[in-house]
Every structure is written in structure tokens, then in C-alpha cells.
């Protein structure tokens, strides 16, 4: 797991790093900005923190913000903020619902069914539904995508849209690691409109997901700017804040 403290300590003990100033909103820092409580003799008042700007200097830039093209852990840090996953890990490392509010697997372990939460919005206002899940998985396992994590998706044969909120994934054989991978940032769900908007420049010129932060701009080698997603709903993360992060950018 990425540790910001370890990361900073590592940087301070190494020379000649090329720093990149990145104005970045990160969910992990939003935890630190969580609700502050002040207690009086008669009642407890909850005070929301003032939003601010987080500037994060990193030793290297991301390679791409396309989850299916990236091979860099530095990109994963940003991908995890822009996109969301079908499932998520709780604070004990166990799988829990996220974009998918429930899921099941048949007796032979070859067929997974996922039921999505309602009214999930992409950053551009389009709806994230079962078709978007199928689009993401089909793209991820397509050999033409040249996805470095293709094998992690397992031996998928078909992805079927049952209805607007239900997706069925059929495997050639049982693949038990599948649910855990669906909680990993490299399985991030992509909004189809992102490809329609940016085409082959998706992940470089822009990115569209359903995560807590929206892409604003990226000047490679200089800065990458994100801002809060006002429509964000925290379905499965292990923080108290269930909505928009307490940071401006």
C-alpha cells in the first residue's frame, strides 16, 4: 500500500530527483480533512473544514491516465482518484460493494452477476450503467488495447448486459481472483464518453470517470490538476465522508 510518509522520507534521502509540482486532490488526504468536532457543555457541534488546495510534488510524472494503458504506479495514484471500481476493499482487506451494490457467482464459479447502484454519474454528466461496465471490460480484454493487466481479468468469454443496472460476466473456467481484482485501480471503470471525446488521446488529453476527483488539465512534466466531483457518492470507501471531498483542488 502506498504510504505518503514513506514516500516523502524516501525523497528527502535521495538527491537529484526531478520534482514535478502537481496540484492534486487525493482521497487519502481527504481523510485527514475529515469532519472536526468541537464540544461544548450543552451540545456537540460538527464543523465542516474549510476546503483548500493540496500541492503534491512527485519525483516523476504519470505515463497515462488510461487504466488499460498505464504501467506506472505513479499513474495508479491518480487513476484511483479519477475512476472508481465495481468492488472495494474495507479496512480489513475484505471485498465489499462499491459501484456494484451486490454481486453473486454461480456454483461452478464461471458466471458472475453484478447489480449496480442507481443514478451513478460520470464526470461529464452521462450515466454510468451496465453498458459502461461491458464497454470497460470488453476494452480491457481486447488484444488491440494491449492492456498490461489483461490476464488479471481472467478467462472472460462474454460480458452480457441483462438490464440497465445488471451485468453478467461468463468465464471459460473458474477464476477465483476475479472479485479481488475488481477492487483494484487497474480494473477502474471507464465512461464510454471518454473514448468518444478523446479518442486515441484518452488518458493524455483528458479522462472521464465516476471517481471523487475530475480531470482539469495536465501539462506533462509540470502539473496535473484535479478538482472535486460534486456528484460523487462514496459507496465503498473506508472513510466517513460519503460525498464530495473537502478540498478545492
Protein backbone atom coordinates (compact mmCIF):
# COMPACT_ATOMS: atom_id res chain seq x y z
CA UNK A 1 0.00 0.00 0.00
CA UNK A 2 1.29 3.46 -0.91
CA UNK A 3 2.43 5.47 2.14
CA UNK A 4 2.77 9.23 1.70
CA UNK A 5 5.03 9.48 4.77
CA UNK A 6 7.34 6.78 3.44
CA UNK A 7 7.28 8.47 0.06
CA UNK A 8 8.34 11.84 1.50
CA UNK A 9 11.09 10.26 3.63
CA UNK A 10 12.40 8.46 0.58
CA UNK A 11 12.61 11.68 -1.37
CA UNK A 12 14.47 13.53 1.38
CA UNK A 13 17.22 10.90 1.43
CA UNK A 14 17.84 10.85 -2.30
CA UNK A 15 19.48 13.52 -4.43
CA UNK A 16 18.96 14.86 -7.93
CA UNK A 17 15.27 13.95 -8.15
CA UNK A 18 13.37 15.93 -10.72
CA UNK A 19 10.34 17.27 -8.87
CA UNK A 20 7.07 17.79 -10.62
CA UNK A 21 4.64 20.17 -8.94
CA UNK A 22 1.26 18.56 -9.11
CA UNK A 23 -1.84 20.25 -7.86
CA UNK A 24 -3.65 17.15 -6.81
CA UNK A 25 -6.71 16.29 -4.84
CA UNK A 26 -6.32 12.90 -3.24
CA UNK A 27 -8.84 10.82 -1.38
CA UNK A 28 -6.29 9.74 1.20
CA UNK A 29 -5.69 13.37 2.15
CA UNK A 30 -9.42 13.95 2.25
CA UNK A 31 -9.45 11.52 5.16
CA UNK A 32 -7.16 13.85 7.09
CA UNK A 33 -9.51 16.70 6.27
CA UNK A 34 -12.49 14.85 7.68
CA UNK A 35 -15.10 16.34 9.96
CA UNK A 36 -13.79 18.15 13.04
CA UNK A 37 -15.85 18.12 16.23
CA UNK A 38 -15.96 20.76 18.96
CA UNK A 39 -17.72 20.01 22.21
CA UNK A 40 -19.49 22.48 24.48
CA UNK A 41 -21.06 21.83 27.86
CA UNK A 42 -24.53 21.64 26.33
CA UNK A 43 -24.13 20.16 22.84
CA UNK A 44 -21.72 18.85 20.25
CA UNK A 45 -21.23 20.97 17.13
CA UNK A 46 -19.89 19.49 13.93
CA UNK A 47 -17.82 21.96 11.93
CA UNK A 48 -17.04 21.23 8.28
CA UNK A 49 -13.42 22.02 7.39
CA UNK A 50 -12.60 24.86 5.01
CA UNK A 51 -11.75 23.50 1.55
CA UNK A 52 -8.18 24.08 0.45
CA UNK A 53 -5.65 23.20 -2.24
CA UNK A 54 -3.24 20.31 -1.92
CA UNK A 55 0.04 20.55 -3.86
CA UNK A 56 1.89 17.27 -4.15
CA UNK A 57 5.45 17.18 -5.54
CA UNK A 58 6.40 13.82 -7.06
CA UNK A 59 9.72 12.58 -8.39
CA UNK A 60 8.30 11.56 -11.76
CA UNK A 61 5.22 12.17 -13.90
CA UNK A 62 2.49 9.65 -14.73
CA UNK A 63 2.71 7.82 -18.03
CA UNK A 64 -1.02 7.91 -18.83
CA UNK A 65 -4.38 8.18 -17.07
CA UNK A 66 -5.80 5.32 -19.14
CA UNK A 67 -6.19 2.38 -16.71
CA UNK A 68 -5.74 -0.07 -19.59
CA UNK A 69 -2.53 1.50 -20.87
CA UNK A 70 -0.68 2.52 -17.73
CA UNK A 71 2.26 0.55 -16.36
CA UNK A 72 3.35 3.10 -13.75
CA UNK A 73 2.50 3.01 -10.02
CA UNK A 74 2.58 6.83 -10.15
CA UNK A 75 -0.27 6.77 -12.65
CA UNK A 76 -2.18 4.41 -10.42
CA UNK A 77 -2.14 7.05 -7.67
CA UNK A 78 -4.06 9.41 -9.97
CA UNK A 79 -6.20 6.76 -11.64
CA UNK A 80 -7.55 5.81 -8.22
CA UNK A 81 -8.85 9.38 -7.79
CA UNK A 82 -10.48 9.85 -11.20
CA UNK A 83 -12.16 6.47 -11.59
CA UNK A 84 -13.98 4.03 -9.38
CA UNK A 85 -14.21 0.24 -9.25
CA UNK A 86 -17.09 -2.22 -9.15
CA UNK A 87 -15.94 -3.57 -5.78
CA UNK A 88 -13.73 -2.19 -3.00
CA UNK A 89 -11.63 -3.28 -0.03
CA UNK A 90 -12.74 -2.48 3.50
CA UNK A 91 -10.27 -1.58 6.27
CA UNK A 92 -9.70 -5.29 6.90
CA UNK A 93 -8.83 -6.01 3.28
CA UNK A 94 -12.12 -7.77 2.61
CA UNK A 95 -14.17 -7.28 -0.55
CA UNK A 96 -17.25 -5.08 -0.25
CA UNK A 97 -19.71 -3.43 -2.68
CA UNK A 98 -18.85 -0.20 -4.45
CA UNK A 99 -20.27 0.81 -7.84
CA UNK A 100 -21.83 -2.64 -7.78
CA UNK A 101 -24.12 -2.78 -4.76
CA UNK A 102 -24.27 -6.56 -4.88
CA UNK A 103 -22.78 -9.46 -6.78
CA UNK A 104 -23.04 -13.23 -6.96
CA UNK A 105 -21.26 -16.18 -8.58
CA UNK A 106 -22.82 -19.44 -9.71
CA UNK A 107 -21.94 -22.85 -8.29
CA UNK A 108 -19.20 -23.69 -10.79
CA UNK A 109 -17.53 -20.29 -10.37
CA UNK A 110 -17.79 -19.40 -14.04
CA UNK A 111 -20.59 -16.84 -14.04
CA UNK A 112 -20.60 -13.56 -12.10
CA UNK A 113 -23.60 -11.25 -11.87
CA UNK A 114 -23.24 -7.62 -10.75
CA UNK A 115 -26.07 -5.27 -9.79
CA UNK A 116 -25.13 -1.57 -9.95
CA UNK A 117 -26.21 1.29 -7.73
CA UNK A 118 -28.71 3.63 -9.33
CA UNK A 119 -28.02 7.13 -10.69
CA UNK A 120 -24.24 6.88 -10.95
CA UNK A 121 -22.96 9.85 -12.95
CA UNK A 122 -19.81 10.24 -14.99
CA UNK A 123 -17.86 13.49 -14.67
CA UNK A 124 -19.41 14.82 -17.90
CA UNK A 125 -22.95 14.15 -16.69
CA UNK A 126 -23.54 10.98 -18.67
CA UNK A 127 -24.97 7.95 -16.89
CA UNK A 128 -22.77 5.09 -15.77
CA UNK A 129 -24.74 1.89 -16.33
CA UNK A 130 -24.39 -1.76 -17.31
CA UNK A 131 -23.40 -0.79 -20.84
CA UNK A 132 -20.47 1.19 -19.43
CA UNK A 133 -19.34 -1.87 -17.46
CA UNK A 134 -19.49 -4.03 -20.57
CA UNK A 135 -17.64 -1.34 -22.54
CA UNK A 136 -14.86 -1.21 -19.94
CA UNK A 137 -14.37 -4.97 -19.67
CA UNK A 138 -14.58 -5.57 -23.42
CA UNK A 139 -11.94 -2.89 -23.97
CA UNK A 140 -9.73 -4.22 -21.18
CA UNK A 141 -9.57 -7.75 -22.61
CA UNK A 142 -9.38 -6.75 -26.28
CA UNK A 143 -5.90 -7.71 -27.58
CA UNK A 144 -5.83 -4.49 -29.63
CA UNK A 145 -5.89 -2.48 -26.40
CA UNK A 146 -2.57 -4.03 -25.38
CA UNK A 147 -3.60 -3.93 -21.75
CA UNK A 148 -0.72 -4.95 -19.48
CA UNK A 149 -3.22 -6.29 -16.89
CA UNK A 150 -5.32 -8.26 -19.37
CA UNK A 151 -4.58 -11.60 -17.69
CA UNK A 152 -5.77 -10.24 -14.35
CA UNK A 153 -9.30 -10.08 -15.72
CA UNK A 154 -9.30 -13.86 -16.10
CA UNK A 155 -10.57 -16.10 -18.93
CA UNK A 156 -13.62 -13.98 -19.75
CA UNK A 157 -15.73 -15.32 -22.60
CA UNK A 158 -18.64 -12.90 -22.68
CA UNK A 159 -20.00 -9.82 -20.94
CA UNK A 160 -23.79 -9.56 -21.12
CA UNK A 161 -25.97 -6.55 -20.33
CA UNK A 162 -29.01 -8.05 -18.60
CA UNK A 163 -30.69 -4.69 -17.96
CA UNK A 164 -29.62 -1.10 -17.28
CA UNK A 165 -28.16 -1.99 -13.89
CA UNK A 166 -27.23 -5.65 -14.26
CA UNK A 167 -24.17 -7.22 -15.90
CA UNK A 168 -23.31 -10.89 -16.28
CA UNK A 169 -19.71 -11.99 -16.88
CA UNK A 170 -19.07 -15.55 -18.09
CA UNK A 171 -15.69 -17.24 -17.72
CA UNK A 172 -14.24 -20.15 -19.69
CA UNK A 173 -13.28 -21.66 -16.33
CA UNK A 174 -13.49 -20.74 -12.66
CA UNK A 175 -11.30 -17.76 -11.74
CA UNK A 176 -11.45 -17.02 -8.01
CA UNK A 177 -9.16 -13.90 -8.05
CA UNK A 178 -11.71 -12.01 -10.16
CA UNK A 179 -13.59 -10.23 -7.32
CA UNK A 180 -10.36 -9.03 -5.69
CA UNK A 181 -9.10 -7.64 -8.98
CA UNK A 182 -12.37 -5.73 -9.37
CA UNK A 183 -11.38 -3.75 -6.26
CA UNK A 184 -8.00 -2.78 -7.76
CA UNK A 185 -7.49 0.59 -9.52
CA UNK A 186 -6.34 -1.24 -12.65
CA UNK A 187 -9.91 -2.53 -13.00
CA UNK A 188 -11.25 1.05 -12.90
CA UNK A 189 -14.48 1.58 -14.78
CA UNK A 190 -14.27 3.92 -17.77
CA UNK A 191 -17.12 6.08 -19.05
CA UNK A 192 -17.66 5.35 -22.78
CA UNK A 193 -17.95 9.09 -23.44
CA UNK A 194 -14.26 9.42 -22.52
CA UNK A 195 -13.21 7.43 -25.58
CA UNK A 196 -15.74 9.24 -27.76
CA UNK A 197 -14.38 12.59 -26.58
CA UNK A 198 -10.63 11.97 -26.61
CA UNK A 199 -10.26 9.00 -28.98
CA UNK A 200 -6.62 7.86 -29.10
CA UNK A 201 -5.67 10.78 -26.81
CA UNK A 202 -7.76 9.39 -23.95
CA UNK A 203 -5.64 9.32 -20.81
CA UNK A 204 -3.36 12.09 -22.10
CA UNK A 205 -5.59 14.98 -23.16
CA UNK A 206 -8.28 14.07 -20.67
CA UNK A 207 -10.03 11.40 -18.62
CA UNK A 208 -13.64 10.84 -17.59
CA UNK A 209 -14.65 8.56 -14.75
CA UNK A 210 -17.02 8.42 -11.77
CA UNK A 211 -14.42 8.88 -9.01
CA UNK A 212 -14.14 11.58 -6.34
CA UNK A 213 -12.00 13.90 -8.48
CA UNK A 214 -12.37 15.28 -12.00
CA UNK A 215 -9.63 15.86 -14.54
CA UNK A 216 -8.97 19.57 -15.17
CA UNK A 217 -5.65 19.79 -17.02
CA UNK A 218 -2.34 18.05 -17.45
CA UNK A 219 0.84 19.75 -18.63
CA UNK A 220 3.19 16.81 -18.77
CA UNK A 221 6.36 17.32 -16.78
CA UNK A 222 4.87 20.30 -14.95
CA UNK A 223 1.49 19.83 -13.31
CA UNK A 224 -1.66 17.74 -13.25
CA UNK A 225 -4.77 19.40 -11.82
CA UNK A 226 -7.88 17.71 -10.45
CA UNK A 227 -10.97 19.15 -8.79
CA UNK A 228 -13.77 17.62 -6.66
CA UNK A 229 -16.59 15.73 -8.32
CA UNK A 230 -19.78 17.31 -6.90
CA UNK A 231 -21.84 14.26 -7.89
CA UNK A 232 -19.58 11.76 -6.17
CA UNK A 233 -21.09 9.17 -3.85
CA UNK A 234 -18.77 7.13 -1.69
CA UNK A 235 -20.35 3.69 -1.94
CA UNK A 236 -17.48 1.56 -0.71
CA UNK A 237 -14.52 3.56 0.54
CA UNK A 238 -13.32 3.30 4.13
CA UNK A 239 -13.78 6.96 5.08
CA UNK A 240 -16.60 8.74 6.88
CA UNK A 241 -17.20 11.32 4.16
CA UNK A 242 -19.76 9.82 1.77
CA UNK A 243 -19.75 12.63 -0.78
CA UNK A 244 -17.67 15.39 -2.33
CA UNK A 245 -14.11 15.69 -0.90
CA UNK A 246 -13.29 18.62 1.41
CA UNK A 247 -10.67 20.07 -0.94
CA UNK A 248 -10.93 22.66 -3.72
CA UNK A 249 -8.20 21.29 -5.97
